[in-house]
Amino acid sequence: METVNHGATLRKDLAEPLASVCVSSNIRVQNTNGASLDLLRLRSAGNDPIVRLYVNSTGRLFVRQDFLPTAQKDSGANLQSGWNAVELCGTVGTGTTWDLYLNGAKVVNAWAADTGSAPVGRIQIGDPGAKTISANWDDVVVDTVPD
């Protein structure tokens, strides 16, 4: 996906909403032109935001819960050049936890976040903001257990 000062997303509605979910993908980010970039975003069936994985302007991965009030967790890990395998796993709720894996290593362990009560009904990749980026996603998988 390449965009020039434009947003670009793809989304898929799940056949059945899931309270516990893992979303994995292989991602290659070639250029963000110094902007942050949403990589994976989990939404309710009604399109309400729940949680997202994004990379900041320096390549650092963050998990952000989008339910009010918003909060985020710095993974302490950066995307490497080339393809990276990412996986975000968790359960929607007020006292639940989320894990993030980067290239098979757990980089966020049991981050407690309030993600509301609506189950995940839609998966979104890409960023809706007007940005100039070059990035690729491959093999987006939704299941209920970490790979």
N, C-alpha and C. Protein backbone atom coordinates (compact mmCIF):
# COMPACT_ATOMS: atom_id res chain seq x y z
N MET A 1 0.85 -1.15 0.00
CA MET A 1 0.00 0.00 0.00
C MET A 1 0.91 1.22 0.00
N GLU A 2 0.70 2.06 -0.96
CA GLU A 2 1.41 3.33 -1.01
C GLU A 2 0.37 4.44 -1.12
N THR A 3 0.53 5.44 -0.29
CA THR A 3 -0.37 6.58 -0.36
C THR A 3 0.45 7.86 -0.33
N VAL A 4 -0.04 8.87 -0.98
CA VAL A 4 0.59 10.18 -0.96
C VAL A 4 -0.44 11.17 -0.42
N ASN A 5 -0.21 11.60 0.83
CA ASN A 5 -1.10 12.54 1.52
C ASN A 5 -2.56 12.09 1.47
N HIS A 6 -2.74 10.79 1.78
CA HIS A 6 -4.08 10.21 1.72
C HIS A 6 -4.17 9.07 2.72
N GLY A 7 -5.34 8.81 3.26
CA GLY A 7 -5.55 7.66 4.13
C GLY A 7 -5.80 6.41 3.30
N ALA A 8 -5.45 5.26 3.86
CA ALA A 8 -5.68 3.99 3.16
C ALA A 8 -5.90 2.90 4.20
N THR A 9 -7.07 2.28 4.15
CA THR A 9 -7.38 1.18 5.06
C THR A 9 -8.10 0.07 4.31
N LEU A 10 -8.01 -1.11 4.87
CA LEU A 10 -8.81 -2.26 4.46
C LEU A 10 -9.44 -2.81 5.72
N ARG A 11 -10.66 -3.27 5.61
CA ARG A 11 -11.30 -3.83 6.79
C ARG A 11 -12.09 -5.08 6.41
N LYS A 12 -12.28 -5.92 7.42
CA LYS A 12 -13.02 -7.16 7.24
C LYS A 12 -13.92 -7.34 8.45
N ASP A 13 -15.21 -7.53 8.19
CA ASP A 13 -16.15 -7.84 9.27
C ASP A 13 -16.05 -9.33 9.58
N LEU A 14 -16.03 -9.66 10.87
CA LEU A 14 -15.97 -11.06 11.29
C LEU A 14 -17.37 -11.68 11.17
N ALA A 15 -17.41 -12.96 10.89
CA ALA A 15 -18.69 -13.66 10.79
C ALA A 15 -19.44 -13.62 12.11
N GLU A 16 -18.68 -13.67 13.20
CA GLU A 16 -19.26 -13.62 14.54
C GLU A 16 -18.31 -12.83 15.44
N PRO A 17 -18.82 -11.84 16.19
CA PRO A 17 -17.95 -11.06 17.09
C PRO A 17 -17.26 -11.95 18.11
N LEU A 18 -16.03 -11.57 18.48
CA LEU A 18 -15.21 -12.33 19.42
C LEU A 18 -14.82 -11.47 20.62
N ALA A 19 -15.03 -11.99 21.82
CA ALA A 19 -14.59 -11.27 23.03
C ALA A 19 -13.10 -11.47 23.25
N SER A 20 -12.58 -12.65 22.91
CA SER A 20 -11.14 -12.93 22.97
C SER A 20 -10.65 -13.16 21.55
N VAL A 21 -9.52 -12.52 21.22
CA VAL A 21 -9.08 -12.56 19.83
C VAL A 21 -7.56 -12.42 19.74
N CYS A 22 -7.00 -13.02 18.70
CA CYS A 22 -5.62 -12.80 18.29
C CYS A 22 -5.64 -12.42 16.82
N VAL A 23 -4.94 -11.36 16.48
CA VAL A 23 -4.81 -10.94 15.09
C VAL A 23 -3.33 -10.89 14.77
N SER A 24 -2.95 -11.61 13.72
CA SER A 24 -1.54 -11.63 13.33
C SER A 24 -1.42 -11.23 11.87
N SER A 25 -0.25 -10.72 11.52
CA SER A 25 0.04 -10.35 10.14
C SER A 25 1.54 -10.22 9.96
N ASN A 26 1.97 -10.40 8.73
CA ASN A 26 3.33 -10.06 8.34
C ASN A 26 3.27 -8.66 7.77
N ILE A 27 4.14 -7.79 8.26
CA ILE A 27 4.08 -6.38 7.89
C ILE A 27 5.48 -5.90 7.51
N ARG A 28 5.52 -5.14 6.41
CA ARG A 28 6.77 -4.50 6.00
C ARG A 28 6.47 -3.02 5.81
N VAL A 29 7.12 -2.20 6.64
CA VAL A 29 6.96 -0.75 6.54
C VAL A 29 8.24 -0.19 5.93
N GLN A 30 8.13 0.33 4.72
CA GLN A 30 9.31 0.86 4.04
C GLN A 30 9.53 2.34 4.38
N ASN A 31 8.43 3.10 4.50
CA ASN A 31 8.59 4.53 4.72
C ASN A 31 7.31 5.11 5.31
N THR A 32 7.45 5.83 6.42
CA THR A 32 6.30 6.55 7.00
C THR A 32 6.48 8.06 6.89
N ASN A 33 7.60 8.49 6.31
CA ASN A 33 7.90 9.91 6.19
C ASN A 33 7.77 10.64 7.52
N GLY A 34 8.22 9.99 8.58
CA GLY A 34 8.24 10.62 9.90
C GLY A 34 6.91 10.68 10.61
N ALA A 35 5.91 9.93 10.15
CA ALA A 35 4.59 9.93 10.79
C ALA A 35 4.36 8.60 11.50
N SER A 36 3.45 8.59 12.45
CA SER A 36 3.01 7.33 13.04
C SER A 36 2.09 6.63 12.03
N LEU A 37 1.92 5.30 12.20
CA LEU A 37 1.13 4.53 11.25
C LEU A 37 0.38 3.44 12.00
N ASP A 38 -0.96 3.42 11.86
CA ASP A 38 -1.76 2.32 12.40
C ASP A 38 -1.46 1.07 11.59
N LEU A 39 -1.12 -0.03 12.28
CA LEU A 39 -0.85 -1.29 11.61
C LEU A 39 -2.07 -2.20 11.63
N LEU A 40 -2.62 -2.43 12.82
CA LEU A 40 -3.81 -3.26 13.01
C LEU A 40 -4.74 -2.52 13.95
N ARG A 41 -6.03 -2.56 13.66
CA ARG A 41 -7.00 -1.92 14.54
C ARG A 41 -8.19 -2.84 14.69
N LEU A 42 -8.58 -3.07 15.93
CA LEU A 42 -9.73 -3.92 16.23
C LEU A 42 -10.90 -3.02 16.60
N ARG A 43 -12.05 -3.29 15.98
CA ARG A 43 -13.25 -2.48 16.17
C ARG A 43 -14.44 -3.39 16.48
N SER A 44 -15.48 -2.80 17.02
CA SER A 44 -16.71 -3.54 17.24
C SER A 44 -17.43 -3.72 15.90
N ALA A 45 -18.48 -4.54 15.89
CA ALA A 45 -19.28 -4.72 14.68
C ALA A 45 -19.91 -3.40 14.25
N GLY A 46 -20.16 -2.50 15.21
CA GLY A 46 -20.71 -1.17 14.91
C GLY A 46 -19.64 -0.15 14.56
N ASN A 47 -18.39 -0.60 14.39
CA ASN A 47 -17.24 0.22 14.01
C ASN A 47 -16.69 1.10 15.14
N ASP A 48 -17.07 0.82 16.38
CA ASP A 48 -16.49 1.55 17.51
C ASP A 48 -15.07 1.07 17.75
N PRO A 49 -14.12 1.98 18.02
CA PRO A 49 -12.73 1.57 18.24
C PRO A 49 -12.56 0.83 19.56
N ILE A 50 -11.70 -0.20 19.55
CA ILE A 50 -11.41 -0.98 20.75
C ILE A 50 -9.94 -0.87 21.10
N VAL A 51 -9.07 -1.38 20.23
CA VAL A 51 -7.63 -1.38 20.49
C VAL A 51 -6.90 -1.38 19.15
N ARG A 52 -5.68 -0.84 19.16
CA ARG A 52 -4.89 -0.81 17.93
C ARG A 52 -3.42 -1.06 18.21
N LEU A 53 -2.72 -1.47 17.17
CA LEU A 53 -1.26 -1.58 17.16
C LEU A 53 -0.77 -0.54 16.17
N TYR A 54 0.16 0.30 16.63
CA TYR A 54 0.71 1.28 15.70
C TYR A 54 2.21 1.41 15.90
N VAL A 55 2.86 1.97 14.89
CA VAL A 55 4.28 2.25 14.95
C VAL A 55 4.42 3.77 14.96
N ASN A 56 5.27 4.29 15.86
CA ASN A 56 5.44 5.74 15.91
C ASN A 56 6.44 6.20 14.86
N SER A 57 6.75 7.48 14.86
CA SER A 57 7.61 8.06 13.81
C SER A 57 9.03 7.51 13.82
N THR A 58 9.46 6.90 14.93
CA THR A 58 10.81 6.35 15.00
C THR A 58 10.83 4.83 14.81
N GLY A 59 9.67 4.21 14.57
CA GLY A 59 9.61 2.77 14.35
C GLY A 59 9.27 1.95 15.58
N ARG A 60 8.97 2.62 16.71
CA ARG A 60 8.63 1.92 17.95
C ARG A 60 7.18 1.45 17.90
N LEU A 61 6.93 0.21 18.36
CA LEU A 61 5.58 -0.34 18.40
C LEU A 61 4.86 0.02 19.70
N PHE A 62 3.61 0.41 19.57
CA PHE A 62 2.75 0.73 20.70
C PHE A 62 1.42 0.00 20.56
N VAL A 63 0.86 -0.40 21.70
CA VAL A 63 -0.52 -0.88 21.75
C VAL A 63 -1.32 0.22 22.41
N ARG A 64 -2.45 0.56 21.81
CA ARG A 64 -3.28 1.65 22.35
C ARG A 64 -4.71 1.16 22.49
N GLN A 65 -5.27 1.32 23.67
CA GLN A 65 -6.68 1.03 23.82
C GLN A 65 -7.43 2.30 23.48
N ASP A 66 -8.43 2.17 22.65
CA ASP A 66 -9.15 3.33 22.13
C ASP A 66 -10.46 3.60 22.86
N PHE A 67 -10.79 2.78 23.84
CA PHE A 67 -11.97 3.02 24.65
C PHE A 67 -11.63 4.15 25.63
N LEU A 68 -12.58 5.00 25.94
CA LEU A 68 -12.31 6.18 26.78
C LEU A 68 -12.08 5.81 28.23
N PRO A 69 -11.15 6.43 28.94
CA PRO A 69 -10.12 7.30 28.37
C PRO A 69 -9.04 6.46 27.71
N THR A 70 -8.46 6.98 26.66
CA THR A 70 -7.45 6.22 25.93
C THR A 70 -6.18 6.08 26.76
N ALA A 71 -5.47 5.01 26.52
CA ALA A 71 -4.18 4.75 27.16
C ALA A 71 -3.36 3.93 26.17
N GLN A 72 -2.05 3.94 26.35
CA GLN A 72 -1.21 3.16 25.46
C GLN A 72 -0.04 2.55 26.20
N LYS A 73 0.55 1.52 25.58
CA LYS A 73 1.67 0.80 26.15
C LYS A 73 2.80 0.77 25.13
N ASP A 74 3.96 1.30 25.52
CA ASP A 74 5.17 1.25 24.70
C ASP A 74 5.73 -0.17 24.80
N SER A 75 5.91 -0.82 23.66
CA SER A 75 6.42 -2.19 23.66
C SER A 75 7.91 -2.26 23.97
N GLY A 76 8.62 -1.15 23.78
CA GLY A 76 10.06 -1.16 23.93
C GLY A 76 10.78 -1.79 22.75
N ALA A 77 10.02 -2.13 21.70
CA ALA A 77 10.60 -2.81 20.53
C ALA A 77 10.32 -2.00 19.27
N ASN A 78 11.27 -2.04 18.36
CA ASN A 78 11.12 -1.37 17.07
C ASN A 78 10.91 -2.39 15.97
N LEU A 79 10.16 -2.00 14.94
CA LEU A 79 10.08 -2.82 13.74
C LEU A 79 11.47 -2.87 13.11
N GLN A 80 11.83 -4.02 12.59
CA GLN A 80 13.09 -4.19 11.89
C GLN A 80 12.87 -3.88 10.41
N SER A 81 13.94 -3.69 9.66
CA SER A 81 13.78 -3.50 8.23
C SER A 81 13.32 -4.83 7.63
N GLY A 82 12.59 -4.76 6.55
CA GLY A 82 12.04 -5.97 5.92
C GLY A 82 10.75 -6.38 6.59
N TRP A 83 10.40 -7.66 6.41
CA TRP A 83 9.14 -8.19 6.92
C TRP A 83 9.23 -8.49 8.41
N ASN A 84 8.15 -8.20 9.13
CA ASN A 84 8.04 -8.48 10.55
C ASN A 84 6.71 -9.19 10.81
N ALA A 85 6.75 -10.21 11.66
CA ALA A 85 5.53 -10.90 12.08
C ALA A 85 5.06 -10.26 13.38
N VAL A 86 3.83 -9.75 13.37
CA VAL A 86 3.25 -9.16 14.58
C VAL A 86 1.98 -9.91 14.93
N GLU A 87 1.69 -9.99 16.23
CA GLU A 87 0.45 -10.61 16.69
C GLU A 87 -0.01 -9.91 17.95
N LEU A 88 -1.27 -9.48 17.95
CA LEU A 88 -1.89 -8.80 19.08
C LEU A 88 -3.01 -9.70 19.59
N CYS A 89 -2.94 -10.05 20.89
CA CYS A 89 -3.92 -10.97 21.49
C CYS A 89 -4.47 -10.36 22.77
N GLY A 90 -5.77 -10.53 22.98
CA GLY A 90 -6.36 -10.06 24.22
C GLY A 90 -7.84 -10.35 24.29
N THR A 91 -8.44 -9.87 25.38
CA THR A 91 -9.86 -10.04 25.63
C THR A 91 -10.47 -8.68 25.91
N VAL A 92 -11.59 -8.40 25.28
CA VAL A 92 -12.29 -7.14 25.49
C VAL A 92 -12.91 -7.14 26.88
N GLY A 93 -12.79 -6.01 27.58
CA GLY A 93 -13.39 -5.89 28.91
C GLY A 93 -12.72 -4.80 29.71
N THR A 94 -13.20 -4.60 30.94
CA THR A 94 -12.68 -3.52 31.78
C THR A 94 -11.41 -3.90 32.52
N GLY A 95 -11.20 -5.15 32.82
CA GLY A 95 -10.01 -5.56 33.56
C GLY A 95 -9.26 -6.66 32.85
N THR A 96 -9.15 -6.56 31.55
CA THR A 96 -8.54 -7.63 30.77
C THR A 96 -7.12 -7.25 30.35
N THR A 97 -6.44 -8.19 29.72
CA THR A 97 -5.05 -7.93 29.35
C THR A 97 -4.83 -8.22 27.86
N TRP A 98 -3.74 -7.61 27.36
CA TRP A 98 -3.35 -7.72 25.95
C TRP A 98 -1.87 -8.05 25.87
N ASP A 99 -1.52 -8.91 24.92
CA ASP A 99 -0.14 -9.29 24.66
C ASP A 99 0.20 -8.91 23.22
N LEU A 100 1.46 -8.58 23.00
CA LEU A 100 1.95 -8.28 21.66
C LEU A 100 3.21 -9.10 21.41
N TYR A 101 3.24 -9.75 20.25
CA TYR A 101 4.39 -10.53 19.83
C TYR A 101 4.99 -9.88 18.59
N LEU A 102 6.31 -9.80 18.56
CA LEU A 102 7.04 -9.30 17.41
C LEU A 102 8.06 -10.35 17.01
N ASN A 103 7.91 -10.89 15.81
CA ASN A 103 8.81 -11.92 15.29
C ASN A 103 8.98 -13.07 16.28
N GLY A 104 7.85 -13.48 16.89
CA GLY A 104 7.83 -14.62 17.80
C GLY A 104 8.15 -14.31 19.25
N ALA A 105 8.67 -13.12 19.55
CA ALA A 105 9.02 -12.75 20.92
C ALA A 105 7.91 -11.89 21.52
N LYS A 106 7.52 -12.20 22.76
CA LYS A 106 6.50 -11.40 23.44
C LYS A 106 7.14 -10.09 23.90
N VAL A 107 6.65 -8.97 23.37
CA VAL A 107 7.22 -7.66 23.69
C VAL A 107 6.28 -6.83 24.58
N VAL A 108 5.02 -7.23 24.68
CA VAL A 108 4.08 -6.67 25.67
C VAL A 108 3.43 -7.87 26.34
N ASN A 109 3.55 -7.91 27.67
CA ASN A 109 3.07 -9.06 28.43
C ASN A 109 1.97 -8.64 29.39
N ALA A 110 0.75 -9.08 29.11
CA ALA A 110 -0.39 -8.90 30.01
C ALA A 110 -0.61 -7.43 30.39
N TRP A 111 -0.66 -6.57 29.38
CA TRP A 111 -0.95 -5.15 29.62
C TRP A 111 -2.43 -5.01 29.95
N ALA A 112 -2.74 -4.51 31.14
CA ALA A 112 -4.12 -4.34 31.58
C ALA A 112 -4.69 -3.06 30.99
N ALA A 113 -5.84 -3.19 30.32
CA ALA A 113 -6.46 -2.04 29.67
C ALA A 113 -7.98 -2.20 29.67
N ASP A 114 -8.67 -1.09 29.77
CA ASP A 114 -10.13 -1.08 29.67
C ASP A 114 -10.48 -0.89 28.20
N THR A 115 -10.98 -1.95 27.58
CA THR A 115 -11.33 -1.88 26.16
C THR A 115 -12.84 -1.94 25.95
N GLY A 116 -13.60 -1.61 26.98
CA GLY A 116 -15.05 -1.58 26.85
C GLY A 116 -15.66 -2.96 26.88
N SER A 117 -16.91 -3.06 26.47
CA SER A 117 -17.62 -4.34 26.56
C SER A 117 -18.04 -4.90 25.21
N ALA A 118 -17.94 -4.13 24.15
CA ALA A 118 -18.35 -4.61 22.82
C ALA A 118 -17.28 -5.54 22.26
N PRO A 119 -17.65 -6.75 21.83
CA PRO A 119 -16.66 -7.67 21.27
C PRO A 119 -16.12 -7.18 19.93
N VAL A 120 -15.00 -7.77 19.53
CA VAL A 120 -14.37 -7.42 18.26
C VAL A 120 -15.21 -7.99 17.11
N GLY A 121 -15.65 -7.11 16.22
CA GLY A 121 -16.46 -7.53 15.09
C GLY A 121 -15.87 -7.13 13.75
N ARG A 122 -14.81 -6.32 13.80
CA ARG A 122 -14.19 -5.83 12.56
C ARG A 122 -12.69 -5.69 12.77
N ILE A 123 -11.91 -6.08 11.76
CA ILE A 123 -10.46 -5.92 11.76
C ILE A 123 -10.13 -4.91 10.67
N GLN A 124 -9.25 -3.97 11.01
CA GLN A 124 -8.83 -2.95 10.04
C GLN A 124 -7.32 -2.93 9.96
N ILE A 125 -6.78 -2.84 8.74
CA ILE A 125 -5.36 -2.61 8.56
C ILE A 125 -5.20 -1.28 7.85
N GLY A 126 -4.07 -0.64 8.06
CA GLY A 126 -3.81 0.65 7.44
C GLY A 126 -4.25 1.79 8.32
N ASP A 127 -4.09 2.99 7.82
CA ASP A 127 -4.31 4.21 8.59
C ASP A 127 -5.24 5.14 7.83
N PRO A 128 -6.29 5.65 8.47
CA PRO A 128 -7.22 6.53 7.78
C PRO A 128 -6.72 7.97 7.63
N GLY A 129 -5.65 8.31 8.33
CA GLY A 129 -5.13 9.68 8.28
C GLY A 129 -4.44 10.00 6.97
N ALA A 130 -4.45 11.27 6.60
CA ALA A 130 -3.78 11.73 5.38
C ALA A 130 -2.27 11.68 5.60
N LYS A 131 -1.62 10.67 5.03
CA LYS A 131 -0.19 10.45 5.21
C LYS A 131 0.43 9.97 3.91
N THR A 132 1.74 10.13 3.82
CA THR A 132 2.49 9.57 2.70
C THR A 132 3.31 8.42 3.25
N ILE A 133 2.92 7.21 2.88
CA ILE A 133 3.57 6.01 3.43
C ILE A 133 3.78 4.97 2.34
N SER A 134 4.64 4.01 2.65
CA SER A 134 4.80 2.83 1.83
C SER A 134 4.92 1.64 2.78
N ALA A 135 3.93 0.74 2.75
CA ALA A 135 3.90 -0.39 3.66
C ALA A 135 3.12 -1.54 3.03
N ASN A 136 3.41 -2.76 3.48
CA ASN A 136 2.74 -3.95 2.98
C ASN A 136 2.26 -4.81 4.14
N TRP A 137 1.10 -5.44 3.96
CA TRP A 137 0.54 -6.41 4.90
C TRP A 137 0.32 -7.70 4.16
N ASP A 138 0.60 -8.83 4.81
CA ASP A 138 0.38 -10.13 4.19
C ASP A 138 -0.08 -11.10 5.28
N ASP A 139 -0.88 -12.06 4.88
CA ASP A 139 -1.31 -13.13 5.78
C ASP A 139 -1.94 -12.61 7.06
N VAL A 140 -2.97 -11.79 6.96
CA VAL A 140 -3.70 -11.34 8.15
C VAL A 140 -4.58 -12.49 8.61
N VAL A 141 -4.39 -12.91 9.86
CA VAL A 141 -5.11 -14.07 10.43
C VAL A 141 -5.79 -13.65 11.72
N VAL A 142 -7.05 -14.06 11.86
CA VAL A 142 -7.81 -13.81 13.08
C VAL A 142 -8.14 -15.18 13.68
N ASP A 143 -7.75 -15.37 14.95
CA ASP A 143 -8.11 -16.60 15.67
C ASP A 143 -8.23 -16.27 17.15
N THR A 144 -8.21 -17.26 17.99
CA THR A 144 -8.41 -17.01 19.43
C THR A 144 -7.24 -17.45 20.30
N VAL A 145 -6.16 -17.94 19.70
CA VAL A 145 -4.98 -18.34 20.47
C VAL A 145 -3.72 -17.83 19.77
N PRO A 146 -2.70 -17.48 20.55
CA PRO A 146 -1.43 -17.03 19.92
C PRO A 146 -0.82 -18.13 19.06
N ASP A 147 -0.21 -17.72 17.95
CA ASP A 147 0.47 -18.68 17.06
C ASP A 147 1.83 -19.06 17.61
